[in-house]
């Protein structure tokens, strides 16, 4: 099994040219091909972009931190710096679900309607597993998330329980019958986190700290930005200007976690320990998308040349 937990970058086809500088060349334990690959990907981003990279090979860990400044790539120490990890949050939400299952508190095929605090019109039944593997039939975004009035720089900030209840009481037009088709849904992942909060009567942050972050010594990971402000690496827009961090209310389970590459490496390493049964469960296929791709709980699984690639990006 090959497990990847991190941000996958798409190459824009850039290559080195005269006048550019790659500060990773001749770095110990980094091959020239790796240095060139990092440089090529970094070239797609604005000046002052930082990348934090963790490389795990045969149990040995190496951290590579880089900052792109104009046409140069220089090394920086940022393995403990905190980034918004975006949709990798969904893996942690699914891990929480697996913890509840491991403790006998929830069944994967149990309807979430029993755990959200209000009635659902027409008896639409969606299970915990269907939310975790994106087969709930729910759309990618809530139908009543008004993007024309929401700030596109912070779109989820005002989506709260009242709006969810309003939507469920009206009845939601599902894109497919639950459990029959795969449709990636930020909305579904957010509802999963919300349902787990209701089931435990605790906040999403409290659940993560108690069941995941403390267990794997992820000391820089949180959903509370004010607690890591001094270590935060701010996002940049396409012009290289600092942009707003996103705030989440009800949909925090879809994208609200902040973490460091050091913590994500700890979490990745924990997946190789067979004693961590709640992690093993998340990597078991629960729905087949096609002959090469399936979905676990949160994770995507690809079979390639006889090897299994387990991944999520953010």
C-alpha atoms as a PDB file:
ATOM      1  CA  UNK A   1       0.000   0.000   0.000  1.00  0.00           C
ATOM      2  CA  UNK A   2       1.195   3.477  -0.867  1.00  0.00           C
ATOM      3  CA  UNK A   3      -0.421   6.200   1.209  1.00  0.00           C
ATOM      4  CA  UNK A   4      -0.277   9.845   0.232  1.00  0.00           C
ATOM      5  CA  UNK A   5      -1.717  12.559   2.435  1.00  0.00           C
ATOM      6  CA  UNK A   6      -1.046  15.989   1.085  1.00  0.00           C
ATOM      7  CA  UNK A   7      -1.584  18.592  -1.581  1.00  0.00           C
ATOM      8  CA  UNK A   8      -1.259  17.301  -5.127  1.00  0.00           C
ATOM      9  CA  UNK A   9       0.002  19.975  -7.528  1.00  0.00           C
ATOM     10  CA  UNK A  10      -0.787  19.941 -11.229  1.00  0.00           C
ATOM     11  CA  UNK A  11       2.108  20.746 -13.515  1.00  0.00           C
ATOM     12  CA  UNK A  12       1.625  23.705 -15.824  1.00  0.00           C
ATOM     13  CA  UNK A  13       4.412  22.543 -18.099  1.00  0.00           C
ATOM     14  CA  UNK A  14       6.918  25.146 -16.926  1.00  0.00           C
ATOM     15  CA  UNK A  15      10.605  24.353 -17.091  1.00  0.00           C
ATOM     16  CA  UNK A  16      13.830  25.982 -16.025  1.00  0.00           C
ATOM     17  CA  UNK A  17      15.191  28.725 -18.198  1.00  0.00           C
ATOM     18  CA  UNK A  18      18.049  31.195 -18.123  1.00  0.00           C
ATOM     19  CA  UNK A  19      17.810  33.545 -15.171  1.00  0.00           C
ATOM     20  CA  UNK A  20      15.991  31.102 -12.865  1.00  0.00           C
ATOM     21  CA  UNK A  21      17.482  29.582  -9.733  1.00  0.00           C
ATOM     22  CA  UNK A  22      16.587  26.342  -8.015  1.00  0.00           C
ATOM     23  CA  UNK A  23      17.798  26.448  -4.422  1.00  0.00           C
ATOM     24  CA  UNK A  24      17.185  22.700  -4.030  1.00  0.00           C
ATOM     25  CA  UNK A  25      19.914  21.633  -6.444  1.00  0.00           C
ATOM     26  CA  UNK A  26      22.706  19.825  -4.535  1.00  0.00           C
ATOM     27  CA  UNK A  27      20.507  19.479  -1.436  1.00  0.00           C
ATOM     28  CA  UNK A  28      21.462  16.312   0.489  1.00  0.00           C
ATOM     29  CA  UNK A  29      18.950  13.456   0.076  1.00  0.00           C
ATOM     30  CA  UNK A  30      17.075  15.312  -2.683  1.00  0.00           C
ATOM     31  CA  UNK A  31      17.765  13.994  -6.173  1.00  0.00           C
ATOM     32  CA  UNK A  32      18.157  16.385  -9.070  1.00  0.00           C
ATOM     33  CA  UNK A  33      14.947  14.974 -10.584  1.00  0.00           C
ATOM     34  CA  UNK A  34      13.053  15.692  -7.335  1.00  0.00           C
ATOM     35  CA  UNK A  35      14.481  19.199  -7.174  1.00  0.00           C
ATOM     36  CA  UNK A  36      13.445  19.860 -10.770  1.00  0.00           C
ATOM     37  CA  UNK A  37       9.964  18.468 -10.163  1.00  0.00           C
ATOM     38  CA  UNK A  38       9.421  20.714  -7.121  1.00  0.00           C
ATOM     39  CA  UNK A  39      10.747  23.704  -9.051  1.00  0.00           C
ATOM     40  CA  UNK A  40       8.447  22.983 -11.981  1.00  0.00           C
ATOM     41  CA  UNK A  41       5.327  22.770  -9.788  1.00  0.00           C
ATOM     42  CA  UNK A  42       6.276  25.847  -7.762  1.00  0.00           C
ATOM     43  CA  UNK A  43       6.584  27.841 -10.973  1.00  0.00           C
ATOM     44  CA  UNK A  44       2.787  27.741 -11.337  1.00  0.00           C
ATOM     45  CA  UNK A  45       2.300  29.822  -8.181  1.00  0.00           C
ATOM     46  CA  UNK A  46       2.721  33.539  -7.382  1.00  0.00           C
ATOM     47  CA  UNK A  47       5.905  34.968  -5.935  1.00  0.00           C
ATOM     48  CA  UNK A  48       6.255  34.386  -2.155  1.00  0.00           C
ATOM     49  CA  UNK A  49       4.288  31.123  -2.277  1.00  0.00           C
ATOM     50  CA  UNK A  50       5.518  28.570   0.282  1.00  0.00           C
ATOM     51  CA  UNK A  51       5.402  24.808  -0.092  1.00  0.00           C
ATOM     52  CA  UNK A  52       5.941  22.422   2.804  1.00  0.00           C
ATOM     53  CA  UNK A  53       6.784  18.874   1.694  1.00  0.00           C
ATOM     54  CA  UNK A  54       7.215  15.678   3.674  1.00  0.00           C
ATOM     55  CA  UNK A  55       8.963  12.691   2.099  1.00  0.00           C
ATOM     56  CA  UNK A  56       8.651   9.269   3.739  1.00  0.00           C
ATOM     57  CA  UNK A  57      10.900   6.520   2.421  1.00  0.00           C
ATOM     58  CA  UNK A  58      11.365   3.184   4.180  1.00  0.00           C
ATOM     59  CA  UNK A  59      10.388   4.784   7.487  1.00  0.00           C
ATOM     60  CA  UNK A  60      12.826   7.685   7.154  1.00  0.00           C
ATOM     61  CA  UNK A  61      11.309  11.183   7.035  1.00  0.00           C
ATOM     62  CA  UNK A  62      12.663  14.241   5.311  1.00  0.00           C
ATOM     63  CA  UNK A  63      11.101  17.696   5.244  1.00  0.00           C
ATOM     64  CA  UNK A  64      11.617  20.129   2.412  1.00  0.00           C
ATOM     65  CA  UNK A  65      10.403  23.715   2.721  1.00  0.00           C
ATOM     66  CA  UNK A  66      10.594  26.135  -0.180  1.00  0.00           C
ATOM     67  CA  UNK A  67       9.549  29.679  -1.006  1.00  0.00           C
ATOM     68  CA  UNK A  68       9.219  30.966  -4.540  1.00  0.00           C
ATOM     69  CA  UNK A  69      10.537  34.518  -4.839  1.00  0.00           C
ATOM     70  CA  UNK A  70      10.116  35.812  -8.358  1.00  0.00           C
ATOM     71  CA  UNK A  71      11.983  33.285 -10.540  1.00  0.00           C
ATOM     72  CA  UNK A  72      13.966  31.697  -7.733  1.00  0.00           C
ATOM     73  CA  UNK A  73      13.170  28.828  -5.389  1.00  0.00           C
ATOM     74  CA  UNK A  74      14.851  29.003  -2.004  1.00  0.00           C
ATOM     75  CA  UNK A  75      14.793  26.688   0.991  1.00  0.00           C
ATOM     76  CA  UNK A  76      12.966  27.696   4.174  1.00  0.00           C
ATOM     77  CA  UNK A  77      12.236  25.885   7.416  1.00  0.00           C
ATOM     78  CA  UNK A  78       8.460  25.483   7.551  1.00  0.00           C
ATOM     79  CA  UNK A  79       7.785  21.901   8.663  1.00  0.00           C
ATOM     80  CA  UNK A  80       5.986  23.219  11.750  1.00  0.00           C
ATOM     81  CA  UNK A  81       4.307  26.127  10.031  1.00  0.00           C
ATOM     82  CA  UNK A  82       0.520  25.885   9.803  1.00  0.00           C
ATOM     83  CA  UNK A  83      -1.457  25.849   6.548  1.00  0.00           C
ATOM     84  CA  UNK A  84      -5.131  25.590   5.714  1.00  0.00           C
ATOM     85  CA  UNK A  85      -5.361  21.999   4.444  1.00  0.00           C
ATOM     86  CA  UNK A  86      -8.729  22.444   2.739  1.00  0.00           C
ATOM     87  CA  UNK A  87     -10.432  19.240   1.647  1.00  0.00           C
ATOM     88  CA  UNK A  88      -7.905  16.972   3.365  1.00  0.00           C
ATOM     89  CA  UNK A  89     -10.150  17.862   6.331  1.00  0.00           C
ATOM     90  CA  UNK A  90     -12.601  15.299   4.927  1.00  0.00           C
ATOM     91  CA  UNK A  91     -10.147  12.503   5.733  1.00  0.00           C
ATOM     92  CA  UNK A  92     -10.164  13.597   9.382  1.00  0.00           C
ATOM     93  CA  UNK A  93     -13.967  13.781   9.436  1.00  0.00           C
ATOM     94  CA  UNK A  94     -14.121  10.236   8.081  1.00  0.00           C
ATOM     95  CA  UNK A  95     -11.526   9.169  10.670  1.00  0.00           C
ATOM     96  CA  UNK A  96     -13.782  10.527  13.418  1.00  0.00           C
ATOM     97  CA  UNK A  97     -16.628   8.432  12.013  1.00  0.00           C
ATOM     98  CA  UNK A  98     -14.379   5.363  12.061  1.00  0.00           C
ATOM     99  CA  UNK A  99     -13.527   6.076  15.707  1.00  0.00           C
ATOM    100  CA  UNK A 100     -17.236   6.091  16.582  1.00  0.00           C
ATOM    101  CA  UNK A 101     -17.681   2.790  14.737  1.00  0.00           C
ATOM    102  CA  UNK A 102     -14.653   1.286  16.491  1.00  0.00           C
ATOM    103  CA  UNK A 103     -16.158   2.233  19.847  1.00  0.00           C
ATOM    104  CA  UNK A 104     -19.515   0.689  18.940  1.00  0.00           C
ATOM    105  CA  UNK A 105     -21.350   4.016  19.060  1.00  0.00           C
ATOM    106  CA  UNK A 106     -22.365   4.213  15.382  1.00  0.00           C
ATOM    107  CA  UNK A 107     -23.002   1.743  12.565  1.00  0.00           C
ATOM    108  CA  UNK A 108     -21.841   2.767   9.095  1.00  0.00           C
ATOM    109  CA  UNK A 109     -25.256   1.940   7.593  1.00  0.00           C
ATOM    110  CA  UNK A 110     -27.102   3.914  10.272  1.00  0.00           C
ATOM    111  CA  UNK A 111     -29.242   6.824   8.964  1.00  0.00           C
ATOM    112  CA  UNK A 112     -27.832  10.217   9.886  1.00  0.00           C
ATOM    113  CA  UNK A 113     -31.378  11.544  10.307  1.00  0.00           C
ATOM    114  CA  UNK A 114     -31.391  10.060  13.799  1.00  0.00           C
ATOM    115  CA  UNK A 115     -28.466  12.308  14.751  1.00  0.00           C
ATOM    116  CA  UNK A 116     -29.070  15.784  13.358  1.00  0.00           C
ATOM    117  CA  UNK A 117     -31.653  17.129  15.810  1.00  0.00           C
ATOM    118  CA  UNK A 118     -34.555  17.776  13.437  1.00  0.00           C
ATOM    119  CA  UNK A 119     -36.935  15.961  11.111  1.00  0.00           C
ATOM    120  CA  UNK A 120     -36.303  15.354   7.441  1.00  0.00           C
ATOM    121  CA  UNK A 121     -39.067  15.677   4.868  1.00  0.00           C
ATOM    122  CA  UNK A 122     -40.302  12.602   2.977  1.00  0.00           C
ATOM    123  CA  UNK A 123     -38.146  10.255   5.014  1.00  0.00           C
ATOM    124  CA  UNK A 124     -35.089  10.697   2.800  1.00  0.00           C
ATOM    125  CA  UNK A 125     -32.561   8.278   4.276  1.00  0.00           C
ATOM    126  CA  UNK A 126     -28.819   8.870   4.029  1.00  0.00           C
ATOM    127  CA  UNK A 127     -26.290   6.815   5.976  1.00  0.00           C
ATOM    128  CA  UNK A 128     -23.032   7.787   7.637  1.00  0.00           C
ATOM    129  CA  UNK A 129     -21.084   5.693   5.135  1.00  0.00           C
ATOM    130  CA  UNK A 130     -22.764   7.391   2.175  1.00  0.00           C
ATOM    131  CA  UNK A 131     -21.691  10.783   3.482  1.00  0.00           C
ATOM    132  CA  UNK A 132     -18.114   9.572   4.016  1.00  0.00           C
ATOM    133  CA  UNK A 133     -17.712   7.990   0.569  1.00  0.00           C
ATOM    134  CA  UNK A 134     -19.646  10.624  -1.419  1.00  0.00           C
ATOM    135  CA  UNK A 135     -22.535   8.363  -2.464  1.00  0.00           C
ATOM    136  CA  UNK A 136     -25.273  10.242  -0.570  1.00  0.00           C
ATOM    137  CA  UNK A 137     -26.705  11.831  -3.695  1.00  0.00           C
ATOM    138  CA  UNK A 138     -26.244  15.262  -2.130  1.00  0.00           C
ATOM    139  CA  UNK A 139     -24.971  18.026  -4.431  1.00  0.00           C
ATOM    140  CA  UNK A 140     -21.455  19.409  -4.143  1.00  0.00           C
ATOM    141  CA  UNK A 141     -22.707  22.563  -2.377  1.00  0.00           C
ATOM    142  CA  UNK A 142     -25.865  23.267  -0.357  1.00  0.00           C
ATOM    143  CA  UNK A 143     -28.695  24.375  -2.684  1.00  0.00           C
ATOM    144  CA  UNK A 144     -29.468  27.253  -0.313  1.00  0.00           C
ATOM    145  CA  UNK A 145     -25.902  28.524  -0.123  1.00  0.00           C
ATOM    146  CA  UNK A 146     -26.428  31.806  -1.914  1.00  0.00           C
ATOM    147  CA  UNK A 147     -23.107  32.497  -3.584  1.00  0.00           C
ATOM    148  CA  UNK A 148     -24.425  35.746  -5.033  1.00  0.00           C
ATOM    149  CA  UNK A 149     -24.734  37.183  -1.522  1.00  0.00           C
ATOM    150  CA  UNK A 150     -21.929  35.202   0.162  1.00  0.00           C
ATOM    151  CA  UNK A 151     -18.407  36.569  -0.051  1.00  0.00           C
ATOM    152  CA  UNK A 152     -16.514  34.411  -2.547  1.00  0.00           C
ATOM    153  CA  UNK A 153     -13.394  35.021  -0.486  1.00  0.00           C
ATOM    154  CA  UNK A 154     -15.109  33.390   2.524  1.00  0.00           C
ATOM    155  CA  UNK A 155     -18.135  31.469   1.147  1.00  0.00           C
ATOM    156  CA  UNK A 156     -18.982  29.085   4.011  1.00  0.00           C
ATOM    157  CA  UNK A 157     -18.814  31.531   6.906  1.00  0.00           C
ATOM    158  CA  UNK A 158     -22.544  32.128   7.305  1.00  0.00           C
ATOM    159  CA  UNK A 159     -23.861  28.640   6.498  1.00  0.00           C
ATOM    160  CA  UNK A 160     -25.318  27.543   9.841  1.00  0.00           C
ATOM    161  CA  UNK A 161     -27.695  25.022  11.407  1.00  0.00           C
ATOM    162  CA  UNK A 162     -30.768  27.144  10.710  1.00  0.00           C
ATOM    163  CA  UNK A 163     -30.050  27.014   6.979  1.00  0.00           C
ATOM    164  CA  UNK A 164     -29.509  23.264   7.056  1.00  0.00           C
ATOM    165  CA  UNK A 165     -32.715  22.660   8.983  1.00  0.00           C
ATOM    166  CA  UNK A 166     -34.648  24.863   6.569  1.00  0.00           C
ATOM    167  CA  UNK A 167     -33.298  22.834   3.664  1.00  0.00           C
ATOM    168  CA  UNK A 168     -34.012  19.435   5.176  1.00  0.00           C
ATOM    169  CA  UNK A 169     -37.541  20.392   6.191  1.00  0.00           C
ATOM    170  CA  UNK A 170     -38.263  21.486   2.608  1.00  0.00           C
ATOM    171  CA  UNK A 171     -36.764  18.301   1.199  1.00  0.00           C
ATOM    172  CA  UNK A 172     -33.584  18.084  -0.864  1.00  0.00           C
ATOM    173  CA  UNK A 173     -33.567  17.107  -4.520  1.00  0.00           C
ATOM    174  CA  UNK A 174     -30.885  14.402  -4.530  1.00  0.00           C
ATOM    175  CA  UNK A 175     -28.752  13.938  -7.642  1.00  0.00           C
ATOM    176  CA  UNK A 176     -29.045  10.144  -7.351  1.00  0.00           C
ATOM    177  CA  UNK A 177     -30.513   7.526  -5.065  1.00  0.00           C
ATOM    178  CA  UNK A 178     -28.270   7.243  -1.978  1.00  0.00           C
ATOM    179  CA  UNK A 179     -25.682   4.512  -2.302  1.00  0.00           C
ATOM    180  CA  UNK A 180     -25.915   4.135  -6.089  1.00  0.00           C
ATOM    181  CA  UNK A 181     -23.507   6.710  -7.544  1.00  0.00           C
ATOM    182  CA  UNK A 182     -20.385   8.634  -6.581  1.00  0.00           C
ATOM    183  CA  UNK A 183     -20.699  12.438  -6.523  1.00  0.00           C
ATOM    184  CA  UNK A 184     -18.055  14.412  -4.601  1.00  0.00           C
ATOM    185  CA  UNK A 185     -19.849  16.585  -2.043  1.00  0.00           C
ATOM    186  CA  UNK A 186     -18.484  19.267   0.262  1.00  0.00           C
ATOM    187  CA  UNK A 187     -22.036  19.525   1.571  1.00  0.00           C
ATOM    188  CA  UNK A 188     -22.158  15.846   2.524  1.00  0.00           C
ATOM    189  CA  UNK A 189     -18.808  15.955   4.330  1.00  0.00           C
ATOM    190  CA  UNK A 190     -19.955  19.016   6.268  1.00  0.00           C
ATOM    191  CA  UNK A 191     -23.182  17.276   7.299  1.00  0.00           C
ATOM    192  CA  UNK A 192     -21.149  14.257   8.433  1.00  0.00           C
ATOM    193  CA  UNK A 193     -19.119  16.418  10.803  1.00  0.00           C
ATOM    194  CA  UNK A 194     -22.304  18.100  12.026  1.00  0.00           C
ATOM    195  CA  UNK A 195     -24.033  14.742  12.657  1.00  0.00           C
ATOM    196  CA  UNK A 196     -21.027  13.485  14.655  1.00  0.00           C
ATOM    197  CA  UNK A 197     -21.158  16.647  16.768  1.00  0.00           C
ATOM    198  CA  UNK A 198     -24.815  16.008  17.541  1.00  0.00           C
ATOM    199  CA  UNK A 199     -24.156  12.342  18.287  1.00  0.00           C
ATOM    200  CA  UNK A 200     -21.436  13.192  20.804  1.00  0.00           C
ATOM    201  CA  UNK A 201     -22.833  16.513  22.058  1.00  0.00           C
ATOM    202  CA  UNK A 202     -19.355  17.964  21.542  1.00  0.00           C
ATOM    203  CA  UNK A 203     -17.830  20.352  19.025  1.00  0.00           C
ATOM    204  CA  UNK A 204     -15.952  19.190  15.940  1.00  0.00           C
ATOM    205  CA  UNK A 205     -12.760  20.687  17.404  1.00  0.00           C
ATOM    206  CA  UNK A 206     -13.239  18.804  20.687  1.00  0.00           C
ATOM    207  CA  UNK A 207     -13.803  15.547  18.814  1.00  0.00           C
ATOM    208  CA  UNK A 208     -10.674  15.948  16.713  1.00  0.00           C
ATOM    209  CA  UNK A 209      -8.495  16.829  19.672  1.00  0.00           C
ATOM    210  CA  UNK A 210      -9.815  13.940  21.789  1.00  0.00           C
ATOM    211  CA  UNK A 211      -9.962  11.163  19.204  1.00  0.00           C
ATOM    212  CA  UNK A 212      -7.327  11.981  16.568  1.00  0.00           C
ATOM    213  CA  UNK A 213      -4.908  14.849  17.180  1.00  0.00           C
ATOM    214  CA  UNK A 214      -3.953  13.889  20.729  1.00  0.00           C
ATOM    215  CA  UNK A 215      -3.587  10.206  19.828  1.00  0.00           C
ATOM    216  CA  UNK A 216      -1.131  10.917  17.020  1.00  0.00           C
ATOM    217  CA  UNK A 217       0.654  13.832  18.707  1.00  0.00           C
ATOM    218  CA  UNK A 218      -0.550  16.339  16.109  1.00  0.00           C
ATOM    219  CA  UNK A 219       0.197  19.369  18.239  1.00  0.00           C
ATOM    220  CA  UNK A 220      -0.082  21.998  15.478  1.00  0.00           C
ATOM    221  CA  UNK A 221      -3.472  20.805  14.171  1.00  0.00           C
ATOM    222  CA  UNK A 222      -6.748  22.563  14.964  1.00  0.00           C
ATOM    223  CA  UNK A 223      -9.816  24.278  13.533  1.00  0.00           C
ATOM    224  CA  UNK A 224      -9.248  27.333  15.773  1.00  0.00           C
ATOM    225  CA  UNK A 225      -7.145  29.755  13.750  1.00  0.00           C
ATOM    226  CA  UNK A 226      -6.543  32.138  16.652  1.00  0.00           C
ATOM    227  CA  UNK A 227      -4.580  29.427  18.493  1.00  0.00           C
ATOM    228  CA  UNK A 228      -2.016  29.056  15.686  1.00  0.00           C
ATOM    229  CA  UNK A 229      -1.957  32.618  14.319  1.00  0.00           C
ATOM    230  CA  UNK A 230       1.759  33.089  14.991  1.00  0.00           C
ATOM    231  CA  UNK A 231       2.670  30.009  12.927  1.00  0.00           C
ATOM    232  CA  UNK A 232       0.164  30.481  10.112  1.00  0.00           C
ATOM    233  CA  UNK A 233       1.272  30.714   6.489  1.00  0.00           C
ATOM    234  CA  UNK A 234      -1.282  32.916   4.743  1.00  0.00           C
ATOM    235  CA  UNK A 235      -2.747  32.061   1.380  1.00  0.00           C
ATOM    236  CA  UNK A 236      -2.146  34.205  -1.690  1.00  0.00           C
ATOM    237  CA  UNK A 237      -4.460  35.107  -4.530  1.00  0.00           C
ATOM    238  CA  UNK A 238      -3.492  34.857  -8.202  1.00  0.00           C
ATOM    239  CA  UNK A 239      -1.769  38.247  -7.977  1.00  0.00           C
ATOM    240  CA  UNK A 240       0.362  37.211  -5.015  1.00  0.00           C
ATOM    241  CA  UNK A 241      -1.619  39.297  -2.508  1.00  0.00           C
ATOM    242  CA  UNK A 242      -2.526  37.851   0.904  1.00  0.00           C
ATOM    243  CA  UNK A 243      -6.112  36.596   0.844  1.00  0.00           C
ATOM    244  CA  UNK A 244      -8.615  35.856   3.600  1.00  0.00           C
ATOM    245  CA  UNK A 245      -8.604  32.579   5.446  1.00  0.00           C
ATOM    246  CA  UNK A 246     -11.906  30.733   5.231  1.00  0.00           C
ATOM    247  CA  UNK A 247     -14.214  30.568   8.232  1.00  0.00           C
ATOM    248  CA  UNK A 248     -16.577  27.637   8.699  1.00  0.00           C
ATOM    249  CA  UNK A 249     -19.696  27.179  10.771  1.00  0.00           C
ATOM    250  CA  UNK A 250     -21.791  24.057  10.184  1.00  0.00           C
ATOM    251  CA  UNK A 251     -19.662  22.815   7.267  1.00  0.00           C
ATOM    252  CA  UNK A 252     -16.356  22.783   9.164  1.00  0.00           C
ATOM    253  CA  UNK A 253     -16.007  19.030   8.527  1.00  0.00           C
ATOM    254  CA  UNK A 254     -15.601  19.732   4.813  1.00  0.00           C
ATOM    255  CA  UNK A 255     -12.567  21.997   5.004  1.00  0.00           C
ATOM    256  CA  UNK A 256     -11.906  23.688   8.340  1.00  0.00           C
ATOM    257  CA  UNK A 257      -8.709  22.018   9.601  1.00  0.00           C
ATOM    258  CA  UNK A 258      -5.351  23.785   9.824  1.00  0.00           C
ATOM    259  CA  UNK A 259      -2.232  21.671  10.160  1.00  0.00           C
ATOM    260  CA  UNK A 260       1.498  21.402   9.495  1.00  0.00           C
ATOM    261  CA  UNK A 261       3.364  19.029   7.221  1.00  0.00           C
ATOM    262  CA  UNK A 262       4.994  17.539  10.326  1.00  0.00           C
ATOM    263  CA  UNK A 263       1.585  16.665  11.746  1.00  0.00           C
ATOM    264  CA  UNK A 264       0.344  15.289   8.428  1.00  0.00           C
ATOM    265  CA  UNK A 265       3.419  13.058   8.229  1.00  0.00           C
ATOM    266  CA  UNK A 266       2.638  11.750  11.745  1.00  0.00           C
ATOM    267  CA  UNK A 267      -0.891  10.976  10.611  1.00  0.00           C
ATOM    268  CA  UNK A 268       0.363   9.283   7.438  1.00  0.00           C
ATOM    269  CA  UNK A 269       2.862   7.179   9.372  1.00  0.00           C
ATOM    270  CA  UNK A 270       0.116   6.081  11.770  1.00  0.00           C
ATOM    271  CA  UNK A 271      -1.700   4.470   8.832  1.00  0.00           C
ATOM    272  CA  UNK A 272       1.126   1.950   8.519  1.00  0.00           C
ATOM    273  CA  UNK A 273       0.523   0.728  12.086  1.00  0.00           C
ATOM    274  CA  UNK A 274      -1.891  -2.250  11.968  1.00  0.00           C
ATOM    275  CA  UNK A 275      -2.859  -1.554  15.579  1.00  0.00           C
ATOM    276  CA  UNK A 276      -4.667   1.622  14.506  1.00  0.00           C
ATOM    277  CA  UNK A 277      -7.833  -0.152  13.421  1.00  0.00           C
ATOM    278  CA  UNK A 278      -9.852   3.035  13.020  1.00  0.00           C
ATOM    279  CA  UNK A 279      -7.357   4.154  10.358  1.00  0.00           C
ATOM    280  CA  UNK A 280      -7.280   0.775   8.645  1.00  0.00           C
ATOM    281  CA  UNK A 281     -11.070   0.911   8.292  1.00  0.00           C
ATOM    282  CA  UNK A 282     -10.972   4.233   6.443  1.00  0.00           C
ATOM    283  CA  UNK A 283      -8.812   2.684   3.703  1.00  0.00           C
ATOM    284  CA  UNK A 284     -11.112  -0.260   2.991  1.00  0.00           C
ATOM    285  CA  UNK A 285     -13.061   0.164  -0.273  1.00  0.00           C
ATOM    286  CA  UNK A 286     -16.737   0.908   0.345  1.00  0.00           C
ATOM    287  CA  UNK A 287     -17.837   1.842  -3.188  1.00  0.00           C
ATOM    288  CA  UNK A 288     -16.418   1.002  -6.619  1.00  0.00           C
ATOM    289  CA  UNK A 289     -16.352   4.009  -8.958  1.00  0.00           C
ATOM    290  CA  UNK A 290     -14.809   2.211 -11.951  1.00  0.00           C
ATOM    291  CA  UNK A 291     -12.366  -0.601 -12.679  1.00  0.00           C
ATOM    292  CA  UNK A 292      -9.413   1.445 -11.375  1.00  0.00           C
ATOM    293  CA  UNK A 293     -10.931   3.670  -8.675  1.00  0.00           C
ATOM    294  CA  UNK A 294     -12.824   3.025  -5.475  1.00  0.00           C
ATOM    295  CA  UNK A 295     -13.612   5.026  -2.359  1.00  0.00           C
ATOM    296  CA  UNK A 296     -13.013   4.194   1.287  1.00  0.00           C
ATOM    297  CA  UNK A 297     -14.104   6.447   4.129  1.00  0.00           C
ATOM    298  CA  UNK A 298     -12.736   9.820   3.076  1.00  0.00           C
ATOM    299  CA  UNK A 299      -9.885   8.303   1.041  1.00  0.00           C
ATOM    300  CA  UNK A 300      -9.770   7.688  -2.703  1.00  0.00           C
ATOM    301  CA  UNK A 301      -8.152   4.419  -3.776  1.00  0.00           C
ATOM    302  CA  UNK A 302      -6.510   3.845  -7.164  1.00  0.00           C
ATOM    303  CA  UNK A 303      -5.146   0.550  -8.451  1.00  0.00           C
ATOM    304  CA  UNK A 304      -2.163   1.208 -10.696  1.00  0.00           C
ATOM    305  CA  UNK A 305       0.254  -1.373 -12.119  1.00  0.00           C
ATOM    306  CA  UNK A 306      -0.512  -3.811  -9.330  1.00  0.00           C
ATOM    307  CA  UNK A 307      -0.057  -1.209  -6.591  1.00  0.00           C
ATOM    308  CA  UNK A 308      -2.618   0.600  -4.492  1.00  0.00           C
ATOM    309  CA  UNK A 309      -2.485   4.384  -4.215  1.00  0.00           C
ATOM    310  CA  UNK A 310      -4.486   5.854  -1.333  1.00  0.00           C
ATOM    311  CA  UNK A 311      -4.861   9.621  -1.602  1.00  0.00           C
ATOM    312  CA  UNK A 312      -6.718  12.835  -0.996  1.00  0.00           C
ATOM    313  CA  UNK A 313      -5.814  16.377  -2.001  1.00  0.00           C
ATOM    314  CA  UNK A 314      -6.692  19.765  -0.591  1.00  0.00           C
END
